[in-house]
Each structure stands twice: as C-alpha cells, then as structure tokens.
C-alpha cells in the first residue's frame, strides 16, 4: 500500500491574491512587435509602455497614480517614424526618458511634471547616426547623462553575438555628442 507524502514546504499555505481592477492598467494596446525588450519602463513617478501606433512608433507615459481603464485617446509620446523598440527612464531625473526605434534614431524626451496632457511630438534631443535599428537602451547607473544604445544585427542567427555599440556621452541640454565604442570580441557589454 502506497501512501502519498506531501512535500514539506514553508510556502505551502501561502496563497496569492489578485489585485482589484481599479489598481490595474486596462485597455492599453501594447505593441505587437517581436523584439528582445520589456516594452515598458518604470520609475518612482511614471510607468511607460510601448503601444501600437499607425504611421510610426509611440509610447504612453502614465503617472503611477493613474490606474484603471485608460482612455484610447490618452496622449502619447510620438516622434519616431518607425516602431519604438525600447524605452528607458533616466535613473538621475525621473522626467527624462529615452526611446530607441526601428528608424535608426534615439530620442530623449522630457515628460512634464504632472504627466502628459497633450501628445508629445518634439524631443529634447534626437540622436542619429546608427546604421541599423536601435534595439536596446541603457542609462549609465552612476554617471549623469550617459546613455548606451545597442543595435542588433538581423543577419546573424545569434543576435547577441553581433552587437555594435554606440555610446552617447552628453552634456546637460547642451552639446550632445556621439562616441563610437569598439565592441569587445566576446560580446560583453562594458561601460566606457
């Protein structure tokens, strides 16, 4: 005769509870692009999500206090001519966000203090110079105004092995300059 033995675990009596509908985000048209991105970014003030847009790329920036059903006509950040592939908030300024797109450009946006009240179409800075679509963005965790953008090659089956990297060193709102950085042979990202 076999006896069933329950595996002993300190979590066996812990159950999750779903959040209420008024604490969720509802009716947001998340982008259908297949890409190695999270399609969202969060900081202490805002949550940003890449959404479907006709005629280019767009993303929504919502204050964290605005939850529930989001109106379809809610203002978006839309300035790219191709789909937006990645967005990333600046770790040093909660109102600054960068977006990388299939149109081979990176744009830096400044979100108004209370959030968007009308569509935002003019970036603070537009960084051009990539030869392929910009797939991944990352702000430097300790240096102010330093952004790294990666473009992914679609010709290689292993896209992570074929990265070209372009670092963007910046000065506050002034002369933004681009710096080419040689990619190490092993494909490991290093800060410059």
N, C-alpha and C. Protein backbone atom coordinates (compact mmCIF):
# COMPACT_ATOMS: atom_id res chain seq x y z
N UNK A 1 0.84 -1.17 0.00
CA UNK A 1 0.00 0.00 0.00
C UNK A 1 0.89 1.24 0.00
N UNK A 2 0.64 2.14 -0.96
CA UNK A 2 1.45 3.34 -1.04
C UNK A 2 0.75 4.52 -0.37
N UNK A 3 1.53 5.28 0.33
CA UNK A 3 0.99 6.47 0.98
C UNK A 3 1.49 7.71 0.26
N UNK A 4 0.62 8.66 0.08
CA UNK A 4 1.04 9.92 -0.52
C UNK A 4 1.68 10.77 0.57
N UNK A 5 2.84 11.27 0.25
CA UNK A 5 3.55 12.12 1.19
C UNK A 5 3.56 13.53 0.62
N UNK A 6 3.12 14.47 1.41
CA UNK A 6 3.14 15.87 1.00
C UNK A 6 4.52 16.41 1.30
N UNK A 7 5.10 17.00 0.29
CA UNK A 7 6.43 17.56 0.48
C UNK A 7 6.36 18.74 1.44
N UNK A 8 7.20 18.76 2.39
CA UNK A 8 7.21 19.81 3.39
C UNK A 8 7.79 21.09 2.80
N UNK A 9 7.05 22.16 2.93
CA UNK A 9 7.49 23.45 2.42
C UNK A 9 6.92 24.53 3.31
N UNK A 10 7.72 25.55 3.56
CA UNK A 10 7.22 26.65 4.39
C UNK A 10 6.26 27.55 3.61
N UNK A 11 6.13 27.34 2.31
CA UNK A 11 5.24 28.16 1.49
C UNK A 11 3.96 27.44 1.10
N UNK A 12 3.68 26.29 1.61
CA UNK A 12 2.53 25.52 1.15
C UNK A 12 1.20 26.12 1.55
N UNK A 13 1.18 27.00 2.56
CA UNK A 13 -0.06 27.64 2.97
C UNK A 13 -0.13 29.11 2.55
N UNK A 14 0.73 29.50 1.65
CA UNK A 14 0.75 30.88 1.16
C UNK A 14 0.01 30.93 -0.17
N UNK A 15 -0.95 31.80 -0.26
CA UNK A 15 -1.74 31.94 -1.48
C UNK A 15 -1.70 33.39 -1.94
N UNK A 16 -1.60 33.59 -3.24
CA UNK A 16 -1.62 34.93 -3.80
C UNK A 16 -3.03 35.46 -3.92
N UNK A 17 -3.13 36.76 -3.94
CA UNK A 17 -4.44 37.39 -4.09
C UNK A 17 -4.35 38.36 -5.26
N UNK A 18 -5.27 38.24 -6.18
CA UNK A 18 -5.27 39.11 -7.36
C UNK A 18 -5.63 40.54 -6.95
N UNK A 19 -5.00 41.50 -7.64
CA UNK A 19 -5.32 42.90 -7.34
C UNK A 19 -6.67 43.25 -7.94
N UNK A 20 -7.26 44.27 -7.41
CA UNK A 20 -8.58 44.70 -7.88
C UNK A 20 -8.44 45.44 -9.21
N UNK A 21 -9.51 45.50 -9.96
CA UNK A 21 -9.50 46.10 -11.30
C UNK A 21 -9.11 47.57 -11.26
N UNK A 22 -9.45 48.28 -10.19
CA UNK A 22 -9.12 49.70 -10.14
C UNK A 22 -7.64 49.94 -9.82
N UNK A 23 -6.88 48.89 -9.51
CA UNK A 23 -5.46 49.01 -9.26
C UNK A 23 -4.61 48.51 -10.42
N UNK A 24 -5.25 48.12 -11.53
CA UNK A 24 -4.57 47.62 -12.72
C UNK A 24 -4.66 48.65 -13.84
N UNK A 25 -3.89 48.43 -14.88
CA UNK A 25 -3.98 49.22 -16.09
C UNK A 25 -4.78 48.40 -17.09
N UNK A 26 -5.82 49.00 -17.66
CA UNK A 26 -6.71 48.26 -18.54
C UNK A 26 -6.90 49.01 -19.85
N UNK A 27 -7.12 48.28 -20.94
CA UNK A 27 -7.36 48.82 -22.29
C UNK A 27 -6.16 49.56 -22.87
N UNK A 28 -4.97 49.02 -22.69
CA UNK A 28 -3.77 49.59 -23.31
C UNK A 28 -3.37 48.68 -24.45
N UNK A 29 -3.18 49.26 -25.64
CA UNK A 29 -2.81 48.49 -26.83
C UNK A 29 -1.29 48.32 -26.87
N UNK A 30 -0.77 47.32 -26.20
CA UNK A 30 0.67 47.06 -26.17
C UNK A 30 1.13 46.66 -27.56
N UNK A 31 2.33 47.09 -27.93
CA UNK A 31 2.88 46.82 -29.26
C UNK A 31 2.97 45.32 -29.53
N UNK A 32 2.75 44.94 -30.78
CA UNK A 32 2.81 43.54 -31.19
C UNK A 32 4.16 43.18 -31.82
N UNK A 33 5.12 44.12 -31.79
CA UNK A 33 6.44 43.85 -32.35
C UNK A 33 7.12 42.74 -31.55
N UNK A 34 7.76 41.82 -32.23
CA UNK A 34 8.51 40.79 -31.54
C UNK A 34 9.96 41.25 -31.43
N UNK A 35 10.37 41.57 -30.23
CA UNK A 35 11.69 42.12 -30.01
C UNK A 35 12.15 41.76 -28.61
N UNK A 36 13.45 41.79 -28.37
CA UNK A 36 14.00 41.46 -27.06
C UNK A 36 13.95 42.68 -26.15
N UNK A 37 12.76 43.09 -25.80
CA UNK A 37 12.57 44.26 -24.96
C UNK A 37 11.45 43.98 -23.97
N UNK A 38 11.42 44.76 -22.91
CA UNK A 38 10.36 44.61 -21.91
C UNK A 38 9.09 45.34 -22.32
N UNK A 39 9.17 46.24 -23.28
CA UNK A 39 8.05 47.06 -23.74
C UNK A 39 7.51 47.98 -22.65
N UNK A 40 8.22 48.10 -21.53
CA UNK A 40 7.80 49.05 -20.50
C UNK A 40 9.01 49.48 -19.69
N UNK A 41 8.83 50.58 -18.98
CA UNK A 41 9.85 51.09 -18.08
C UNK A 41 9.14 51.82 -16.95
N UNK A 42 9.69 51.72 -15.75
CA UNK A 42 9.03 52.30 -14.57
C UNK A 42 10.05 53.05 -13.74
N UNK A 43 9.62 54.16 -13.16
CA UNK A 43 10.43 54.88 -12.19
C UNK A 43 9.51 55.31 -11.04
N UNK A 44 9.98 56.06 -10.05
CA UNK A 44 9.11 56.41 -8.92
C UNK A 44 7.91 57.29 -9.27
N UNK A 45 7.89 57.93 -10.44
CA UNK A 45 6.77 58.80 -10.82
C UNK A 45 5.87 58.23 -11.91
N UNK A 46 6.47 57.55 -12.91
CA UNK A 46 5.74 57.18 -14.11
C UNK A 46 5.94 55.71 -14.47
N UNK A 47 5.02 55.22 -15.30
CA UNK A 47 5.18 53.95 -15.97
C UNK A 47 5.01 54.25 -17.46
N UNK A 48 5.90 53.72 -18.29
CA UNK A 48 5.84 53.95 -19.74
C UNK A 48 5.70 52.60 -20.44
N UNK A 49 4.83 52.55 -21.47
CA UNK A 49 4.59 51.32 -22.22
C UNK A 49 4.57 51.62 -23.71
N UNK A 50 5.24 50.78 -24.50
CA UNK A 50 5.23 50.93 -25.95
C UNK A 50 3.88 50.44 -26.46
N UNK A 51 3.22 51.27 -27.27
CA UNK A 51 1.89 50.93 -27.75
C UNK A 51 1.88 50.87 -29.27
N UNK A 52 0.86 50.21 -29.81
CA UNK A 52 0.66 50.18 -31.26
C UNK A 52 0.30 51.56 -31.75
N UNK A 53 0.91 51.97 -32.83
CA UNK A 53 0.61 53.27 -33.42
C UNK A 53 0.72 53.16 -34.93
N UNK A 54 -0.17 53.81 -35.63
CA UNK A 54 -0.09 53.80 -37.09
C UNK A 54 0.77 54.97 -37.54
N UNK A 55 1.59 54.74 -38.53
CA UNK A 55 2.42 55.80 -39.08
C UNK A 55 3.67 56.10 -38.27
N UNK A 56 4.13 55.17 -37.48
CA UNK A 56 5.33 55.40 -36.70
C UNK A 56 5.27 54.68 -35.38
N UNK A 57 6.10 55.12 -34.46
CA UNK A 57 6.14 54.49 -33.15
C UNK A 57 5.70 55.44 -32.07
N UNK A 58 5.11 54.89 -31.02
CA UNK A 58 4.64 55.71 -29.91
C UNK A 58 4.73 54.92 -28.63
N UNK A 59 4.74 55.65 -27.53
CA UNK A 59 4.64 55.02 -26.22
C UNK A 59 3.87 55.94 -25.29
N UNK A 60 3.25 55.32 -24.29
CA UNK A 60 2.44 56.03 -23.30
C UNK A 60 3.25 56.22 -22.05
N UNK A 61 3.09 57.37 -21.42
CA UNK A 61 3.71 57.63 -20.12
C UNK A 61 2.58 58.00 -19.17
N UNK A 62 2.35 57.14 -18.18
CA UNK A 62 1.25 57.33 -17.24
C UNK A 62 1.81 57.60 -15.85
N UNK A 63 1.21 58.54 -15.10
CA UNK A 63 1.60 58.68 -13.70
C UNK A 63 1.21 57.41 -12.94
N UNK A 64 1.99 57.04 -11.94
CA UNK A 64 1.70 55.82 -11.20
C UNK A 64 0.35 55.88 -10.50
N UNK A 65 -0.13 57.08 -10.21
CA UNK A 65 -1.41 57.22 -9.53
C UNK A 65 -2.59 56.99 -10.47
N UNK A 66 -2.38 57.03 -11.78
CA UNK A 66 -3.47 56.85 -12.75
C UNK A 66 -3.58 55.37 -13.09
N UNK A 67 -4.55 54.70 -12.50
CA UNK A 67 -4.78 53.29 -12.78
C UNK A 67 -6.22 53.12 -13.25
N UNK A 68 -6.57 51.90 -13.59
CA UNK A 68 -7.91 51.61 -14.08
C UNK A 68 -7.94 51.59 -15.60
N UNK A 69 -9.10 51.87 -16.16
CA UNK A 69 -9.27 51.87 -17.61
C UNK A 69 -8.64 53.13 -18.20
N UNK A 70 -7.76 52.93 -19.18
CA UNK A 70 -7.08 54.04 -19.83
C UNK A 70 -7.81 54.35 -21.13
N UNK A 71 -8.19 55.59 -21.32
CA UNK A 71 -8.92 56.00 -22.50
C UNK A 71 -8.06 55.83 -23.75
N UNK A 72 -8.67 55.40 -24.84
CA UNK A 72 -7.95 55.19 -26.10
C UNK A 72 -7.34 56.48 -26.64
N UNK A 73 -7.89 57.61 -26.26
CA UNK A 73 -7.38 58.90 -26.75
C UNK A 73 -6.37 59.52 -25.80
N UNK A 74 -5.84 58.74 -24.85
CA UNK A 74 -4.85 59.26 -23.92
C UNK A 74 -3.61 59.71 -24.70
N UNK A 75 -3.01 60.85 -24.37
CA UNK A 75 -1.86 61.36 -25.14
C UNK A 75 -0.66 60.42 -25.09
N UNK A 76 0.05 60.35 -26.19
CA UNK A 76 1.23 59.51 -26.30
C UNK A 76 2.46 60.35 -26.66
N UNK A 77 3.60 59.74 -26.53
CA UNK A 77 4.86 60.34 -26.99
C UNK A 77 5.11 59.73 -28.36
N UNK A 78 5.02 60.54 -29.39
CA UNK A 78 5.11 60.01 -30.76
C UNK A 78 5.96 60.93 -31.62
N UNK A 79 7.17 60.51 -31.92
CA UNK A 79 8.04 61.31 -32.76
C UNK A 79 8.86 60.47 -33.71
N UNK A 80 8.89 59.16 -33.49
CA UNK A 80 9.65 58.26 -34.36
C UNK A 80 8.85 57.95 -35.62
N UNK A 81 9.56 57.70 -36.71
CA UNK A 81 8.89 57.33 -37.96
C UNK A 81 8.74 55.82 -38.10
N UNK A 82 9.43 55.06 -37.25
CA UNK A 82 9.32 53.60 -37.23
C UNK A 82 8.87 53.15 -35.85
N UNK A 83 8.55 51.87 -35.70
CA UNK A 83 8.12 51.37 -34.40
C UNK A 83 9.19 51.57 -33.32
N UNK A 84 8.75 51.93 -32.12
CA UNK A 84 9.65 52.07 -30.98
C UNK A 84 9.98 50.66 -30.48
N UNK A 85 11.27 50.39 -30.25
CA UNK A 85 11.70 49.07 -29.83
C UNK A 85 12.09 49.00 -28.36
N UNK A 86 12.55 50.11 -27.78
CA UNK A 86 12.92 50.10 -26.37
C UNK A 86 12.79 51.50 -25.80
N UNK A 87 12.42 51.55 -24.52
CA UNK A 87 12.35 52.82 -23.78
C UNK A 87 13.03 52.62 -22.44
N UNK A 88 13.62 53.69 -21.92
CA UNK A 88 14.34 53.59 -20.66
C UNK A 88 14.33 54.95 -19.96
N UNK A 89 13.86 54.97 -18.69
CA UNK A 89 13.89 56.18 -17.89
C UNK A 89 15.29 56.44 -17.39
N UNK A 90 15.65 57.72 -17.28
CA UNK A 90 16.95 58.11 -16.73
C UNK A 90 16.93 57.87 -15.22
N UNK A 91 17.98 57.25 -14.66
CA UNK A 91 17.98 56.98 -13.22
C UNK A 91 18.24 58.22 -12.37
N UNK A 92 18.66 59.33 -12.99
CA UNK A 92 19.00 60.53 -12.23
C UNK A 92 17.94 61.62 -12.32
N UNK A 93 17.06 61.54 -13.30
CA UNK A 93 15.99 62.52 -13.47
C UNK A 93 14.74 61.76 -13.88
N UNK A 94 13.73 61.77 -13.01
CA UNK A 94 12.53 60.97 -13.25
C UNK A 94 11.70 61.46 -14.44
N UNK A 95 11.93 62.65 -14.93
CA UNK A 95 11.13 63.19 -16.04
C UNK A 95 11.79 62.99 -17.39
N UNK A 96 12.95 62.36 -17.44
CA UNK A 96 13.67 62.14 -18.71
C UNK A 96 13.55 60.67 -19.10
N UNK A 97 13.20 60.43 -20.36
CA UNK A 97 13.10 59.08 -20.88
C UNK A 97 13.73 59.05 -22.28
N UNK A 98 14.40 57.96 -22.60
CA UNK A 98 15.00 57.76 -23.92
C UNK A 98 14.22 56.69 -24.65
N UNK A 99 14.14 56.83 -25.97
CA UNK A 99 13.46 55.83 -26.79
C UNK A 99 14.32 55.51 -28.00
N UNK A 100 14.41 54.22 -28.32
CA UNK A 100 15.13 53.76 -29.50
C UNK A 100 14.14 53.14 -30.46
N UNK A 101 14.39 53.31 -31.77
CA UNK A 101 13.39 52.92 -32.74
C UNK A 101 13.99 52.19 -33.92
N UNK A 102 13.08 51.65 -34.72
CA UNK A 102 13.46 50.99 -35.96
C UNK A 102 13.90 52.01 -37.02
N UNK A 103 13.66 53.29 -36.79
CA UNK A 103 14.08 54.32 -37.74
C UNK A 103 15.53 54.75 -37.54
N UNK A 104 16.31 53.96 -36.78
CA UNK A 104 17.75 54.17 -36.56
C UNK A 104 18.07 55.42 -35.77
N UNK A 105 17.17 55.84 -34.89
CA UNK A 105 17.43 57.03 -34.09
C UNK A 105 17.10 56.76 -32.62
N UNK A 106 17.70 57.58 -31.78
CA UNK A 106 17.43 57.60 -30.35
C UNK A 106 16.92 58.99 -30.03
N UNK A 107 15.84 59.08 -29.27
CA UNK A 107 15.30 60.38 -28.89
C UNK A 107 15.22 60.46 -27.37
N UNK A 108 15.56 61.64 -26.86
CA UNK A 108 15.48 61.93 -25.43
C UNK A 108 14.30 62.85 -25.23
N UNK A 109 13.40 62.48 -24.32
CA UNK A 109 12.16 63.22 -24.08
C UNK A 109 12.12 63.71 -22.65
N UNK A 110 11.49 64.87 -22.44
CA UNK A 110 11.26 65.39 -21.09
C UNK A 110 9.76 65.39 -20.84
N UNK A 111 9.33 64.59 -19.88
CA UNK A 111 7.92 64.47 -19.55
C UNK A 111 7.55 65.60 -18.58
N UNK A 112 6.44 66.31 -18.82
CA UNK A 112 6.03 67.38 -17.90
C UNK A 112 5.78 66.83 -16.49
N UNK A 113 5.87 67.69 -15.52
CA UNK A 113 5.79 67.28 -14.11
C UNK A 113 4.52 66.51 -13.78
N UNK A 114 3.37 66.92 -14.24
CA UNK A 114 2.11 66.24 -13.91
C UNK A 114 1.77 65.10 -14.86
N UNK A 115 2.58 64.84 -15.85
CA UNK A 115 2.28 63.84 -16.86
C UNK A 115 1.84 64.51 -18.15
N UNK A 116 1.47 63.71 -19.13
CA UNK A 116 1.09 64.24 -20.44
C UNK A 116 -0.36 64.72 -20.43
N UNK A 117 -0.57 65.90 -20.99
CA UNK A 117 -1.93 66.41 -21.20
C UNK A 117 -2.25 66.51 -22.68
N UNK A 118 -1.21 66.52 -23.51
CA UNK A 118 -1.37 66.53 -24.97
C UNK A 118 -0.25 65.68 -25.56
N UNK A 119 -0.41 65.20 -26.80
CA UNK A 119 0.65 64.38 -27.40
C UNK A 119 1.98 65.12 -27.45
N UNK A 120 3.05 64.42 -27.13
CA UNK A 120 4.40 64.98 -27.13
C UNK A 120 5.09 64.52 -28.41
N UNK A 121 5.41 65.48 -29.29
CA UNK A 121 5.99 65.13 -30.59
C UNK A 121 7.41 65.67 -30.79
N UNK A 122 7.83 66.61 -29.98
CA UNK A 122 9.16 67.21 -30.15
C UNK A 122 10.10 66.74 -29.04
N UNK A 123 11.14 65.97 -29.40
CA UNK A 123 12.08 65.52 -28.37
C UNK A 123 13.01 66.66 -27.94
N UNK A 124 13.61 66.49 -26.78
CA UNK A 124 14.63 67.43 -26.33
C UNK A 124 15.84 67.31 -27.23
N UNK A 125 16.22 66.06 -27.53
CA UNK A 125 17.37 65.79 -28.39
C UNK A 125 17.06 64.57 -29.24
N UNK A 126 17.49 64.63 -30.51
CA UNK A 126 17.39 63.48 -31.40
C UNK A 126 18.81 63.06 -31.77
N UNK A 127 19.16 61.83 -31.42
CA UNK A 127 20.50 61.30 -31.69
C UNK A 127 20.42 60.39 -32.89
N UNK A 128 21.13 60.76 -33.96
CA UNK A 128 21.13 59.98 -35.18
C UNK A 128 22.54 59.50 -35.47
N UNK A 129 22.66 58.51 -36.29
CA UNK A 129 23.98 58.02 -36.67
C UNK A 129 24.07 56.52 -36.70
N UNK A 130 23.06 55.83 -36.20
CA UNK A 130 23.07 54.37 -36.29
C UNK A 130 22.77 53.96 -37.73
N UNK A 131 23.33 52.84 -38.13
CA UNK A 131 23.07 52.33 -39.47
C UNK A 131 21.97 51.28 -39.47
N UNK A 132 21.62 50.78 -38.29
CA UNK A 132 20.56 49.78 -38.15
C UNK A 132 19.65 50.19 -37.01
N UNK A 133 18.55 49.46 -36.86
CA UNK A 133 17.58 49.81 -35.84
C UNK A 133 18.18 49.69 -34.44
N UNK A 134 17.74 50.58 -33.57
CA UNK A 134 18.24 50.65 -32.20
C UNK A 134 17.37 49.74 -31.35
N UNK A 135 17.96 48.67 -30.83
CA UNK A 135 17.19 47.66 -30.13
C UNK A 135 17.20 47.74 -28.62
N UNK A 136 18.29 48.22 -28.03
CA UNK A 136 18.40 48.22 -26.57
C UNK A 136 19.01 49.54 -26.12
N UNK A 137 18.43 50.10 -25.07
CA UNK A 137 18.94 51.33 -24.46
C UNK A 137 19.25 51.05 -23.00
N UNK A 138 20.28 51.72 -22.49
CA UNK A 138 20.60 51.60 -21.07
C UNK A 138 21.34 52.84 -20.61
N UNK A 139 20.80 53.49 -19.56
CA UNK A 139 21.48 54.63 -18.96
C UNK A 139 22.57 54.13 -18.05
N UNK A 140 23.63 54.90 -17.93
CA UNK A 140 24.71 54.56 -17.01
C UNK A 140 24.17 54.72 -15.59
N UNK A 141 24.42 53.76 -14.70
CA UNK A 141 23.82 53.82 -13.37
C UNK A 141 24.38 54.91 -12.45
N UNK A 142 25.61 55.37 -12.69
CA UNK A 142 26.20 56.36 -11.79
C UNK A 142 26.60 57.66 -12.47
N UNK A 143 26.94 57.64 -13.73
CA UNK A 143 27.36 58.85 -14.45
C UNK A 143 26.13 59.54 -15.03
N UNK A 144 26.02 60.83 -14.80
CA UNK A 144 24.89 61.59 -15.32
C UNK A 144 24.97 61.74 -16.83
N UNK A 145 23.83 61.66 -17.49
CA UNK A 145 23.68 61.93 -18.92
C UNK A 145 24.54 61.06 -19.82
N UNK A 146 24.71 59.80 -19.47
CA UNK A 146 25.42 58.86 -20.34
C UNK A 146 24.46 57.74 -20.69
N UNK A 147 24.23 57.56 -21.97
CA UNK A 147 23.28 56.58 -22.47
C UNK A 147 24.00 55.66 -23.44
N UNK A 148 23.73 54.36 -23.33
CA UNK A 148 24.30 53.40 -24.27
C UNK A 148 23.16 52.85 -25.12
N UNK A 149 23.38 52.81 -26.41
CA UNK A 149 22.38 52.24 -27.32
C UNK A 149 23.03 51.13 -28.11
N UNK A 150 22.30 50.04 -28.26
CA UNK A 150 22.81 48.88 -28.98
C UNK A 150 21.96 48.66 -30.22
N UNK A 151 22.62 48.35 -31.32
CA UNK A 151 21.86 47.96 -32.49
C UNK A 151 22.13 46.50 -32.75
N UNK A 152 21.08 45.81 -33.11
CA UNK A 152 21.16 44.37 -33.28
C UNK A 152 21.20 44.02 -34.76
N UNK A 153 22.04 43.06 -35.10
CA UNK A 153 22.13 42.60 -36.47
C UNK A 153 21.08 41.51 -36.70
N UNK A 154 20.36 41.62 -37.79
CA UNK A 154 19.36 40.60 -38.09
C UNK A 154 19.91 39.53 -39.04
N UNK A 155 21.17 39.68 -39.47
CA UNK A 155 21.72 38.70 -40.40
C UNK A 155 22.31 37.50 -39.69
N UNK A 156 22.64 37.64 -38.44
CA UNK A 156 23.24 36.54 -37.69
C UNK A 156 22.16 35.83 -36.88
N UNK A 157 22.15 34.50 -36.84
CA UNK A 157 21.13 33.82 -36.04
C UNK A 157 21.27 34.12 -34.55
N UNK A 158 22.45 34.40 -34.08
CA UNK A 158 22.64 34.75 -32.68
C UNK A 158 22.86 36.25 -32.60
N UNK A 159 21.80 37.00 -32.38
CA UNK A 159 21.89 38.46 -32.44
C UNK A 159 22.77 39.03 -31.34
N UNK A 160 22.85 38.38 -30.19
CA UNK A 160 23.66 38.92 -29.10
C UNK A 160 25.14 38.89 -29.44
N UNK A 161 25.55 37.97 -30.31
CA UNK A 161 26.96 37.87 -30.66
C UNK A 161 27.38 38.92 -31.68
N UNK A 162 26.42 39.53 -32.36
CA UNK A 162 26.73 40.50 -33.41
C UNK A 162 26.27 41.90 -33.02
N UNK A 163 26.67 42.36 -31.85
CA UNK A 163 26.26 43.69 -31.40
C UNK A 163 27.26 44.74 -31.85
N UNK A 164 26.74 45.82 -32.29
CA UNK A 164 27.57 47.01 -32.49
C UNK A 164 27.10 48.01 -31.45
N UNK A 165 28.00 48.70 -30.85
CA UNK A 165 27.64 49.54 -29.72
C UNK A 165 28.01 50.99 -30.00
N UNK A 166 27.13 51.86 -29.68
CA UNK A 166 27.41 53.28 -29.81
C UNK A 166 27.04 53.95 -28.50
N UNK A 167 27.99 54.58 -27.88
CA UNK A 167 27.73 55.26 -26.61
C UNK A 167 27.45 56.72 -26.87
N UNK A 168 26.55 57.24 -26.14
CA UNK A 168 26.21 58.64 -26.27
C UNK A 168 26.61 59.35 -24.99
N UNK A 169 27.67 60.16 -25.07
CA UNK A 169 28.06 60.98 -23.93
C UNK A 169 27.33 62.30 -24.07
N UNK A 170 26.88 62.83 -22.97
CA UNK A 170 26.04 64.01 -23.07
C UNK A 170 26.47 65.09 -22.11
N UNK A 171 26.14 66.30 -22.44
CA UNK A 171 26.27 67.44 -21.56
C UNK A 171 24.85 67.94 -21.31
N UNK A 172 24.59 68.53 -20.16
CA UNK A 172 23.22 68.90 -19.82
C UNK A 172 22.59 69.85 -20.85
N UNK A 173 21.64 69.35 -21.59
CA UNK A 173 20.84 70.11 -22.56
C UNK A 173 21.68 70.84 -23.60
N UNK A 174 22.96 70.75 -23.50
CA UNK A 174 23.83 71.50 -24.40
C UNK A 174 24.25 70.66 -25.58
N UNK A 175 25.53 70.63 -25.80
CA UNK A 175 26.06 69.92 -26.96
C UNK A 175 26.09 68.43 -26.67
N UNK A 176 25.20 67.72 -27.29
CA UNK A 176 25.19 66.26 -27.19
C UNK A 176 26.15 65.76 -28.25
N UNK A 177 26.99 64.82 -27.89
CA UNK A 177 27.96 64.31 -28.84
C UNK A 177 27.90 62.80 -28.85
N UNK A 178 28.28 62.22 -29.96
CA UNK A 178 28.27 60.77 -30.04
C UNK A 178 29.70 60.26 -30.07
N UNK A 179 29.89 59.11 -29.47
CA UNK A 179 31.21 58.50 -29.39
C UNK A 179 31.09 57.05 -29.81
N UNK A 180 31.85 56.65 -30.82
CA UNK A 180 31.87 55.24 -31.20
C UNK A 180 32.73 54.47 -30.22
N UNK A 181 32.26 53.31 -29.81
CA UNK A 181 32.99 52.47 -28.88
C UNK A 181 33.21 51.13 -29.55
N UNK A 182 34.42 50.66 -29.58
CA UNK A 182 34.72 49.35 -30.17
C UNK A 182 34.12 48.27 -29.30
N UNK A 183 33.45 47.34 -29.92
CA UNK A 183 32.85 46.23 -29.18
C UNK A 183 33.90 45.18 -28.91
N UNK A 184 33.99 44.69 -27.65
CA UNK A 184 34.97 43.64 -27.38
C UNK A 184 34.60 42.37 -28.12
N UNK A 185 35.57 41.53 -28.39
CA UNK A 185 35.35 40.33 -29.18
C UNK A 185 34.41 39.32 -28.54
N UNK A 186 34.31 39.35 -27.20
CA UNK A 186 33.46 38.35 -26.55
C UNK A 186 32.01 38.78 -26.42
N UNK A 187 31.67 39.98 -26.86
CA UNK A 187 30.28 40.43 -26.86
C UNK A 187 29.79 40.89 -25.49
N UNK A 188 30.70 41.06 -24.52
CA UNK A 188 30.28 41.51 -23.19
C UNK A 188 30.20 43.02 -23.21
N UNK A 189 29.11 43.56 -22.69
CA UNK A 189 28.95 45.00 -22.65
C UNK A 189 29.82 45.57 -21.54
N UNK A 190 30.54 46.63 -21.84
CA UNK A 190 31.36 47.30 -20.86
C UNK A 190 31.08 48.79 -20.94
N UNK A 191 31.05 49.42 -19.80
CA UNK A 191 30.87 50.87 -19.80
C UNK A 191 32.18 51.53 -20.16
N UNK A 192 32.11 52.65 -20.82
CA UNK A 192 33.31 53.34 -21.26
C UNK A 192 33.59 54.51 -20.35
